[in-house]
Amino acid sequence: MLVLTRKINESIIIEEDIKIKILEVKGEKVKIGIIAPKHLTILRDELYQEVSQQNKKASDISDKSLKELFKNI
């Protein structure tokens, strides 16, 4: 993990097309701005984890459920 220290209005560049800028610091909260190509998906980690878990649950189909599904087809 790369750890950097930045002040308000300072930025971090990732590759050539992603820029992360520190906008505000209030107590323990940091407000950041992200400039990136529109084709990239940017999610908060907790949201990404939730979506990943939901996708995993949706794809976990028991053998019994599959047998029932194919029996009805």
N, C-alpha and C. Protein backbone atom coordinates (compact mmCIF):
# COMPACT_ATOMS: atom_id res chain seq x y z
N MET A 1 0.85 -1.17 0.00
CA MET A 1 0.00 0.00 0.00
C MET A 1 0.90 1.24 0.00
N LEU A 2 0.58 2.15 -0.84
CA LEU A 2 1.26 3.44 -0.88
C LEU A 2 0.50 4.41 0.02
N VAL A 3 1.20 5.05 0.94
CA VAL A 3 0.58 6.01 1.85
C VAL A 3 1.16 7.39 1.54
N LEU A 4 0.27 8.34 1.26
CA LEU A 4 0.68 9.70 0.93
C LEU A 4 0.01 10.69 1.87
N THR A 5 0.67 11.79 2.11
CA THR A 5 0.08 12.88 2.88
C THR A 5 -0.22 14.02 1.91
N ARG A 6 -1.44 14.53 1.96
CA ARG A 6 -1.86 15.62 1.08
C ARG A 6 -2.55 16.68 1.90
N LYS A 7 -2.48 17.90 1.45
CA LYS A 7 -3.18 19.02 2.06
C LYS A 7 -4.38 19.39 1.18
N ILE A 8 -5.26 20.25 1.69
CA ILE A 8 -6.41 20.70 0.92
C ILE A 8 -5.92 21.31 -0.40
N ASN A 9 -6.62 20.98 -1.47
CA ASN A 9 -6.35 21.39 -2.85
C ASN A 9 -5.15 20.70 -3.48
N GLU A 10 -4.52 19.77 -2.78
CA GLU A 10 -3.47 18.97 -3.40
C GLU A 10 -4.09 17.72 -3.99
N SER A 11 -3.41 17.15 -4.98
CA SER A 11 -3.98 16.03 -5.73
C SER A 11 -3.02 14.85 -5.81
N ILE A 12 -3.59 13.74 -6.22
CA ILE A 12 -2.85 12.52 -6.53
C ILE A 12 -3.27 12.11 -7.93
N ILE A 13 -2.33 11.75 -8.77
CA ILE A 13 -2.63 11.31 -10.13
C ILE A 13 -2.38 9.80 -10.20
N ILE A 14 -3.33 9.07 -10.76
CA ILE A 14 -3.20 7.64 -10.99
C ILE A 14 -3.25 7.43 -12.50
N GLU A 15 -2.21 6.74 -13.00
CA GLU A 15 -2.03 6.61 -14.45
C GLU A 15 -1.99 8.03 -15.01
N GLU A 16 -2.61 8.25 -16.14
CA GLU A 16 -2.63 9.60 -16.72
C GLU A 16 -4.01 10.23 -16.68
N ASP A 17 -5.03 9.41 -16.33
CA ASP A 17 -6.38 9.92 -16.48
C ASP A 17 -7.25 9.88 -15.23
N ILE A 18 -6.65 9.62 -14.06
CA ILE A 18 -7.42 9.62 -12.82
C ILE A 18 -6.75 10.60 -11.86
N LYS A 19 -7.53 11.54 -11.37
CA LYS A 19 -7.02 12.55 -10.44
C LYS A 19 -7.88 12.55 -9.19
N ILE A 20 -7.24 12.44 -8.04
CA ILE A 20 -7.93 12.48 -6.76
C ILE A 20 -7.47 13.74 -6.04
N LYS A 21 -8.42 14.60 -5.69
CA LYS A 21 -8.09 15.89 -5.08
C LYS A 21 -8.72 15.99 -3.70
N ILE A 22 -7.94 16.46 -2.74
CA ILE A 22 -8.45 16.68 -1.39
C ILE A 22 -9.20 18.02 -1.39
N LEU A 23 -10.49 17.98 -1.09
CA LEU A 23 -11.32 19.19 -1.13
C LEU A 23 -11.51 19.83 0.23
N GLU A 24 -11.62 18.98 1.27
CA GLU A 24 -11.95 19.53 2.58
C GLU A 24 -11.58 18.51 3.66
N VAL A 25 -11.17 18.99 4.81
CA VAL A 25 -10.90 18.13 5.96
C VAL A 25 -11.64 18.72 7.14
N LYS A 26 -12.53 17.91 7.74
CA LYS A 26 -13.29 18.34 8.94
C LYS A 26 -13.18 17.23 9.97
N GLY A 27 -12.43 17.46 11.01
CA GLY A 27 -12.27 16.43 12.04
C GLY A 27 -11.66 15.18 11.45
N GLU A 28 -12.40 14.07 11.56
CA GLU A 28 -11.93 12.79 11.03
C GLU A 28 -12.41 12.52 9.61
N LYS A 29 -13.12 13.45 9.01
CA LYS A 29 -13.66 13.24 7.66
C LYS A 29 -12.87 14.02 6.63
N VAL A 30 -12.64 13.38 5.50
CA VAL A 30 -11.94 14.00 4.39
C VAL A 30 -12.86 13.96 3.18
N LYS A 31 -13.09 15.08 2.54
CA LYS A 31 -13.89 15.14 1.33
C LYS A 31 -12.93 15.14 0.14
N ILE A 32 -13.13 14.19 -0.76
CA ILE A 32 -12.26 14.10 -1.92
C ILE A 32 -13.08 14.24 -3.20
N GLY A 33 -12.42 14.69 -4.24
CA GLY A 33 -13.02 14.75 -5.57
C GLY A 33 -12.24 13.80 -6.47
N ILE A 34 -12.95 13.12 -7.34
CA ILE A 34 -12.30 12.18 -8.25
C ILE A 34 -12.67 12.55 -9.68
N ILE A 35 -11.66 12.76 -10.49
CA ILE A 35 -11.86 13.01 -11.91
C ILE A 35 -11.32 11.78 -12.63
N ALA A 36 -12.21 11.09 -13.35
CA ALA A 36 -11.83 9.85 -14.03
C ALA A 36 -12.69 9.67 -15.27
N PRO A 37 -12.24 8.86 -16.21
CA PRO A 37 -13.05 8.58 -17.40
C PRO A 37 -14.41 8.00 -17.01
N LYS A 38 -15.42 8.34 -17.77
CA LYS A 38 -16.79 7.90 -17.46
C LYS A 38 -16.97 6.39 -17.53
N HIS A 39 -16.11 5.70 -18.27
CA HIS A 39 -16.28 4.25 -18.39
C HIS A 39 -15.81 3.50 -17.14
N LEU A 40 -15.15 4.18 -16.21
CA LEU A 40 -14.70 3.56 -14.97
C LEU A 40 -15.80 3.62 -13.92
N THR A 41 -15.96 2.54 -13.18
CA THR A 41 -16.89 2.51 -12.08
C THR A 41 -16.14 2.85 -10.81
N ILE A 42 -16.65 3.80 -10.06
CA ILE A 42 -16.03 4.21 -8.80
C ILE A 42 -17.07 4.03 -7.71
N LEU A 43 -16.75 3.16 -6.74
CA LEU A 43 -17.68 2.88 -5.64
C LEU A 43 -16.97 3.02 -4.30
N ARG A 44 -17.71 3.41 -3.29
CA ARG A 44 -17.19 3.35 -1.92
C ARG A 44 -16.96 1.88 -1.59
N ASP A 45 -15.93 1.58 -0.81
CA ASP A 45 -15.59 0.19 -0.51
C ASP A 45 -16.76 -0.56 0.10
N GLU A 46 -17.47 0.05 1.07
CA GLU A 46 -18.57 -0.66 1.72
C GLU A 46 -19.69 -0.99 0.73
N LEU A 47 -19.94 -0.12 -0.23
CA LEU A 47 -20.95 -0.40 -1.25
C LEU A 47 -20.47 -1.51 -2.17
N TYR A 48 -19.20 -1.48 -2.56
CA TYR A 48 -18.63 -2.53 -3.40
C TYR A 48 -18.74 -3.89 -2.72
N GLN A 49 -18.43 -3.94 -1.42
CA GLN A 49 -18.52 -5.20 -0.67
C GLN A 49 -19.96 -5.71 -0.63
N GLU A 50 -20.90 -4.82 -0.42
CA GLU A 50 -22.32 -5.21 -0.37
C GLU A 50 -22.78 -5.75 -1.72
N VAL A 51 -22.43 -5.07 -2.80
CA VAL A 51 -22.81 -5.52 -4.14
C VAL A 51 -22.18 -6.87 -4.44
N SER A 52 -20.93 -7.04 -4.05
CA SER A 52 -20.24 -8.32 -4.28
C SER A 52 -20.93 -9.46 -3.53
N GLN A 53 -21.32 -9.20 -2.28
CA GLN A 53 -22.01 -10.23 -1.50
C GLN A 53 -23.36 -10.56 -2.10
N GLN A 54 -24.10 -9.54 -2.55
CA GLN A 54 -25.39 -9.79 -3.17
C GLN A 54 -25.24 -10.59 -4.46
N ASN A 55 -24.22 -10.27 -5.25
CA ASN A 55 -23.97 -11.02 -6.48
C ASN A 55 -23.62 -12.47 -6.17
N LYS A 56 -22.83 -12.68 -5.12
CA LYS A 56 -22.46 -14.05 -4.75
C LYS A 56 -23.68 -14.83 -4.30
N LYS A 57 -24.53 -14.20 -3.48
CA LYS A 57 -25.76 -14.87 -3.03
C LYS A 57 -26.65 -15.22 -4.22
N ALA A 58 -26.74 -14.32 -5.17
CA ALA A 58 -27.59 -14.55 -6.34
C ALA A 58 -27.06 -15.69 -7.20
N SER A 59 -25.75 -15.88 -7.20
CA SER A 59 -25.18 -16.94 -8.04
C SER A 59 -25.08 -18.28 -7.32
N ASP A 60 -25.25 -18.29 -6.00
CA ASP A 60 -25.20 -19.54 -5.24
C ASP A 60 -26.56 -20.23 -5.30
N ILE A 61 -26.65 -21.21 -6.16
CA ILE A 61 -27.90 -21.97 -6.29
C ILE A 61 -27.60 -23.39 -5.85
N SER A 62 -28.37 -23.88 -4.92
CA SER A 62 -28.14 -25.23 -4.41
C SER A 62 -28.47 -26.28 -5.46
N ASP A 63 -27.88 -27.46 -5.31
CA ASP A 63 -28.16 -28.57 -6.23
C ASP A 63 -29.65 -28.92 -6.23
N LYS A 64 -30.26 -28.86 -5.05
CA LYS A 64 -31.69 -29.17 -4.94
C LYS A 64 -32.52 -28.17 -5.76
N SER A 65 -32.16 -26.88 -5.67
CA SER A 65 -32.88 -25.86 -6.43
C SER A 65 -32.71 -26.08 -7.93
N LEU A 66 -31.52 -26.46 -8.36
CA LEU A 66 -31.27 -26.71 -9.78
C LEU A 66 -32.09 -27.92 -10.26
N LYS A 67 -32.13 -28.97 -9.44
CA LYS A 67 -32.92 -30.17 -9.82
C LYS A 67 -34.39 -29.81 -9.95
N GLU A 68 -34.89 -29.00 -9.01
CA GLU A 68 -36.28 -28.57 -9.07
C GLU A 68 -36.55 -27.72 -10.32
N LEU A 69 -35.61 -26.84 -10.63
CA LEU A 69 -35.75 -25.99 -11.79
C LEU A 69 -35.82 -26.81 -13.08
N PHE A 70 -34.88 -27.74 -13.22
CA PHE A 70 -34.84 -28.56 -14.45
C PHE A 70 -36.00 -29.55 -14.51
N LYS A 71 -36.52 -29.97 -13.36
CA LYS A 71 -37.66 -30.88 -13.33
C LYS A 71 -38.90 -30.19 -13.89
N ASN A 72 -39.00 -28.87 -13.67
CA ASN A 72 -40.15 -28.10 -14.13
C ASN A 72 -40.04 -27.64 -15.57
N ILE A 73 -38.89 -27.86 -16.19
CA ILE A 73 -38.72 -27.41 -17.57
C ILE A 73 -39.12 -28.48 -18.53
